[in-house]
Amino acid sequence: MTLSNSTILATGGASGIGFALAQQLLQRGNRVIVCGRGAESLAHAQAIEPALVTRICDVTDAESRRALIDWIAAEHPDLSVVFNNAGVQYRRSFTGDHALDDLEQEVAVNFTAPVQLIGEILPLLRRQKQAVIVNVTSGLAFAPMADVPVYCAAKAALHSFTLTLRHQLRHTAVKVVEMVPPIVDTGLGGNTRSDGTKNAGMMSPDAFATEALALLEEGHDEVLVGLSVGTRQHGEKLFQRMNGN
């Protein structure tokens, strides 16, 4: 796979992993569109990388998502790569009184919105000679952390969906890839690390993007980086070690 001279969309691309990927994709000579809910964060990203194309979009909102796709179809009909990167993570305990706070948003951002976006944008992607969908999951999809249970479950659901989508599209020109970050130093989770990851080293977003894009260009269906290699291999066998008693 050659990631150059393409038009690429990255959701949640104004910060963290998404922004690091966008920067390196720009360096490869691509047109990169990043979308997000916040005008301020998008403006900040574009101030750093003036070549970025930015678009306000709440991917969990049907009208906002439809407006994004209509705009892309009109202004960037050659779009051929989509990174479903937007994500949120909340610590929650079902032993307390607030276990269900923001539950629908967490599930929507991490799972249902990517599924809906894929379903709505596939007709455009299938017009291209070659296209790629990259779903960004997490090593925690395979070995969950108990204090972020809904995040882990939603990422596990996206992993499962990615497997079946790849199978369904296997005879089309649309390639489906799962990109699996380890613990990356971003603002995910409100800059509060999960208890079980406090002793694990974090990878910088730039280092992650460098390794992930190199593996993506090699044609891997699963782009496993850093600690995610181990969690993918051993899965729930790591649960007790990661979560303690």
Protein backbone atom coordinates (compact mmCIF):
# COMPACT_ATOMS: atom_id res chain seq x y z
CA MET A 1 0.00 0.00 0.00
CA THR A 2 1.33 3.43 -0.93
CA LEU A 3 0.04 6.28 1.22
CA SER A 4 0.79 9.21 -1.04
CA ASN A 5 -1.12 11.48 -3.43
CA SER A 6 -4.41 10.45 -1.84
CA THR A 7 -7.29 12.30 -0.23
CA ILE A 8 -7.67 11.12 3.36
CA LEU A 9 -10.21 11.75 6.12
CA ALA A 10 -9.26 11.37 9.80
CA THR A 11 -11.94 11.73 12.44
CA GLY A 12 -10.71 13.18 15.72
CA GLY A 13 -7.71 14.41 13.78
CA ALA A 14 -7.06 17.71 15.55
CA SER A 15 -5.08 16.25 18.45
CA GLY A 16 -3.33 13.17 19.81
CA ILE A 17 -2.91 10.14 17.58
CA GLY A 18 -5.15 11.59 14.87
CA PHE A 19 -3.11 14.76 14.54
CA ALA A 20 0.20 12.87 14.51
CA LEU A 21 -1.12 10.63 11.73
CA ALA A 22 -2.41 13.68 9.83
CA GLN A 23 0.97 15.42 10.03
CA GLN A 24 2.87 12.43 8.71
CA LEU A 25 0.30 11.80 5.99
CA LEU A 26 0.72 15.40 4.87
CA GLN A 27 4.46 14.85 4.69
CA ARG A 28 3.81 11.96 2.31
CA GLY A 29 2.09 14.30 -0.13
CA ASN A 30 -1.54 13.57 0.70
CA ARG A 31 -4.51 15.90 1.02
CA VAL A 32 -5.65 15.37 4.60
CA ILE A 33 -9.06 16.32 5.96
CA VAL A 34 -9.51 16.27 9.73
CA CYS A 35 -12.84 16.63 11.44
CA GLY A 36 -13.86 17.18 15.03
CA ARG A 37 -16.49 18.82 17.20
CA GLY A 38 -14.42 21.81 18.36
CA ALA A 39 -13.69 24.80 16.13
CA GLU A 40 -10.90 25.94 18.46
CA SER A 41 -8.99 22.65 18.36
CA LEU A 42 -9.37 22.46 14.57
CA ALA A 43 -8.09 26.01 14.18
CA HIS A 44 -5.13 25.21 16.43
CA ALA A 45 -4.27 22.15 14.33
CA GLN A 46 -4.50 24.16 11.12
CA ALA A 47 -2.29 26.90 12.58
CA ILE A 48 0.42 24.25 13.06
CA GLU A 49 -0.25 22.54 9.72
CA PRO A 50 -1.75 25.12 7.30
CA ALA A 51 -2.15 22.47 4.59
CA LEU A 52 -4.73 20.60 6.67
CA VAL A 53 -8.32 20.77 5.50
CA THR A 54 -10.58 21.07 8.54
CA ARG A 55 -14.28 20.45 8.99
CA ILE A 56 -16.48 20.68 12.07
CA CYS A 57 -18.42 17.46 12.53
CA ASP A 58 -19.87 15.55 15.44
CA VAL A 59 -19.65 11.99 14.13
CA THR A 60 -22.27 10.84 16.65
CA ASP A 61 -24.88 13.19 15.17
CA ALA A 62 -26.65 11.93 12.04
CA GLU A 63 -27.27 15.37 10.54
CA SER A 64 -23.69 16.52 11.15
CA ARG A 65 -22.31 13.29 9.71
CA ARG A 66 -24.53 13.54 6.64
CA ALA A 67 -23.41 17.13 6.06
CA LEU A 68 -19.78 15.99 6.22
CA ILE A 69 -20.31 13.25 3.65
CA ASP A 70 -22.28 15.54 1.30
CA TRP A 71 -19.48 18.14 1.56
CA ILE A 72 -16.80 15.53 0.83
CA ALA A 73 -18.75 14.19 -2.14
CA ALA A 74 -19.00 17.72 -3.57
CA GLU A 75 -15.56 19.10 -2.69
CA HIS A 76 -13.34 16.01 -2.40
CA PRO A 77 -14.94 13.24 -4.50
CA ASP A 78 -11.58 11.47 -4.82
CA LEU A 79 -11.54 10.57 -1.10
CA SER A 80 -10.06 7.07 -0.85
CA VAL A 81 -8.84 6.62 2.75
CA VAL A 82 -10.78 6.98 6.02
CA PHE A 83 -9.24 6.77 9.49
CA ASN A 84 -11.93 6.19 12.13
CA ASN A 85 -9.85 7.59 14.96
CA ALA A 86 -12.16 9.67 17.17
CA GLY A 87 -12.41 8.25 20.68
CA VAL A 88 -13.34 9.06 24.27
CA GLN A 89 -12.58 7.17 27.47
CA TYR A 90 -14.27 7.46 30.87
CA ARG A 91 -13.35 5.75 34.09
CA ARG A 92 -16.45 4.27 35.69
CA SER A 93 -17.21 1.92 38.56
CA PHE A 94 -20.40 -0.05 38.88
CA THR A 95 -19.88 -0.11 42.65
CA GLY A 96 -20.72 3.62 42.78
CA ASP A 97 -23.58 5.95 41.92
CA HIS A 98 -22.41 7.35 38.57
CA ALA A 99 -21.63 4.23 36.56
CA LEU A 100 -23.91 5.26 33.69
CA ASP A 101 -22.79 8.88 33.28
CA ASP A 102 -22.11 9.67 29.59
CA LEU A 103 -22.57 6.01 28.70
CA GLU A 104 -24.35 6.65 25.40
CA GLN A 105 -21.69 9.12 24.27
CA GLU A 106 -18.84 6.73 25.05
CA VAL A 107 -20.45 3.89 23.13
CA ALA A 108 -21.41 6.17 20.25
CA VAL A 109 -18.03 7.80 19.73
CA ASN A 110 -16.07 4.56 20.04
CA PHE A 111 -18.37 2.17 18.22
CA THR A 112 -21.69 3.14 16.69
CA ALA A 113 -20.50 6.37 15.03
CA PRO A 114 -17.66 4.65 13.14
CA VAL A 115 -20.08 1.94 11.99
CA GLN A 116 -22.58 4.56 10.80
CA LEU A 117 -19.91 6.65 9.09
CA ILE A 118 -18.60 3.60 7.26
CA GLY A 119 -22.06 2.61 6.07
CA GLU A 120 -22.76 6.12 4.81
CA ILE A 121 -19.40 6.78 3.16
CA LEU A 122 -18.90 3.37 1.52
CA PRO A 123 -20.73 4.34 -1.71
CA LEU A 124 -18.18 7.10 -2.23
CA LEU A 125 -15.22 4.86 -1.40
CA ARG A 126 -16.43 2.14 -3.75
CA ARG A 127 -16.21 4.56 -6.67
CA GLN A 128 -12.43 4.63 -6.28
CA LYS A 129 -10.05 2.16 -7.92
CA GLN A 130 -8.62 1.44 -4.47
CA ALA A 131 -9.78 2.57 -1.06
CA VAL A 132 -8.91 1.90 2.57
CA ILE A 133 -10.88 2.02 5.82
CA VAL A 134 -8.68 2.15 8.94
CA ASN A 135 -10.46 1.52 12.22
CA VAL A 136 -8.40 2.62 15.22
CA THR A 137 -9.17 0.32 18.15
CA SER A 138 -6.94 -0.32 21.19
CA GLY A 139 -4.84 -3.00 22.82
CA LEU A 140 -7.51 -2.86 25.52
CA ALA A 141 -9.95 -4.44 23.07
CA PHE A 142 -8.19 -7.75 23.77
CA ALA A 143 -7.14 -7.36 27.41
CA PRO A 144 -9.54 -4.93 29.13
CA MET A 145 -8.80 -2.61 32.03
CA ALA A 146 -11.46 -2.89 34.71
CA ASP A 147 -11.68 0.83 35.47
CA VAL A 148 -12.52 1.78 31.86
CA PRO A 149 -14.96 -1.07 31.11
CA VAL A 150 -17.20 0.57 28.52
CA TYR A 151 -14.28 1.97 26.52
CA CYS A 152 -12.72 -1.51 26.38
CA ALA A 153 -16.03 -3.14 25.44
CA ALA A 154 -16.70 -0.60 22.68
CA LYS A 155 -13.22 -1.08 21.22
CA ALA A 156 -13.70 -4.86 21.38
CA ALA A 157 -16.94 -4.40 19.46
CA LEU A 158 -15.17 -2.28 16.84
CA HIS A 159 -12.50 -5.00 16.53
CA SER A 160 -15.21 -7.61 15.92
CA PHE A 161 -16.98 -5.38 13.41
CA THR A 162 -13.71 -4.75 11.57
CA LEU A 163 -13.15 -8.49 11.13
CA THR A 164 -16.59 -9.00 9.64
CA LEU A 165 -16.44 -5.87 7.48
CA ARG A 166 -13.12 -7.05 6.04
CA HIS A 167 -14.72 -10.38 5.20
CA GLN A 168 -17.77 -8.78 3.58
CA LEU A 169 -15.67 -6.40 1.45
CA ARG A 170 -13.00 -8.95 0.52
CA HIS A 171 -14.09 -9.05 -3.12
CA THR A 172 -14.22 -5.26 -3.50
CA ALA A 173 -11.52 -2.63 -3.95
CA VAL A 174 -12.00 -1.44 -0.34
CA LYS A 175 -9.35 -2.73 2.06
CA VAL A 176 -10.24 -2.83 5.77
CA VAL A 177 -7.48 -2.39 8.35
CA GLU A 178 -7.46 -2.40 12.13
CA MET A 179 -4.89 -0.08 13.74
CA VAL A 180 -4.21 -1.00 17.37
CA PRO A 181 -2.41 1.57 19.54
CA PRO A 182 -0.72 0.67 22.81
CA ILE A 183 -0.67 3.24 25.64
CA VAL A 184 -0.03 6.53 23.84
CA ASP A 185 0.64 9.85 25.57
CA THR A 186 -2.50 11.76 24.59
CA GLY A 187 -5.33 13.50 26.43
CA LEU A 188 -7.58 10.42 26.18
CA GLY A 189 -9.38 9.84 29.45
CA GLY A 190 -8.93 13.44 30.56
CA ASN A 191 -5.18 12.95 31.01
CA THR A 192 -5.90 10.41 33.77
CA ARG A 193 -4.23 7.06 33.28
CA SER A 194 -6.02 3.82 33.95
CA ASP A 195 -4.83 2.22 37.21
CA GLY A 196 -3.44 -0.84 35.48
CA THR A 197 -1.30 1.15 33.05
CA LYS A 198 0.47 3.50 35.46
CA ASN A 199 3.66 1.44 35.44
CA ALA A 200 3.71 0.94 31.68
CA GLY A 201 5.73 3.19 29.41
CA MET A 202 3.78 5.45 27.09
CA MET A 203 4.58 5.91 23.42
CA SER A 204 4.49 9.41 21.96
CA PRO A 205 1.88 10.10 19.27
CA ASP A 206 4.63 10.84 16.73
CA ALA A 207 6.45 7.57 17.45
CA PHE A 208 3.18 5.68 17.19
CA ALA A 209 2.28 7.31 13.88
CA THR A 210 5.71 6.57 12.42
CA GLU A 211 5.54 2.86 13.26
CA ALA A 212 1.85 2.48 12.46
CA LEU A 213 2.05 4.08 9.02
CA ALA A 214 5.12 2.01 8.12
CA LEU A 215 3.20 -1.17 8.99
CA LEU A 216 0.14 0.08 7.13
CA GLU A 217 2.21 0.66 4.00
CA GLU A 218 3.50 -2.90 4.26
CA GLY A 219 -0.08 -4.06 3.74
CA HIS A 220 -0.93 -5.55 7.15
CA ASP A 221 -4.60 -6.13 7.92
CA GLU A 222 -3.85 -5.58 11.61
CA VAL A 223 -1.41 -2.81 12.50
CA LEU A 224 -0.20 -3.79 15.98
CA VAL A 225 2.19 -1.38 17.66
CA GLY A 226 4.16 -1.72 20.90
CA LEU A 227 2.35 -3.40 23.79
CA SER A 228 -0.68 -4.10 21.61
CA VAL A 229 1.27 -6.98 20.05
CA GLY A 230 1.21 -8.77 23.41
CA THR A 231 -2.40 -7.97 24.24
CA ARG A 232 -3.51 -9.24 20.81
CA GLN A 233 -1.54 -12.46 21.29
CA HIS A 234 -2.46 -13.22 24.90
CA GLY A 235 -5.79 -11.42 25.26
CA GLU A 236 -7.78 -12.08 28.41
CA LYS A 237 -4.96 -14.21 29.83
CA LEU A 238 -3.41 -10.85 30.78
CA PHE A 239 -6.53 -9.64 32.60
CA GLN A 240 -5.50 -10.65 36.13
CA ARG A 241 -1.96 -9.35 35.71
CA MET A 242 -3.24 -6.00 34.44
CA ASN A 243 -6.05 -5.56 36.97
CA GLY A 244 -4.78 -7.20 40.16
CA ASN A 245 -7.03 -8.74 42.77
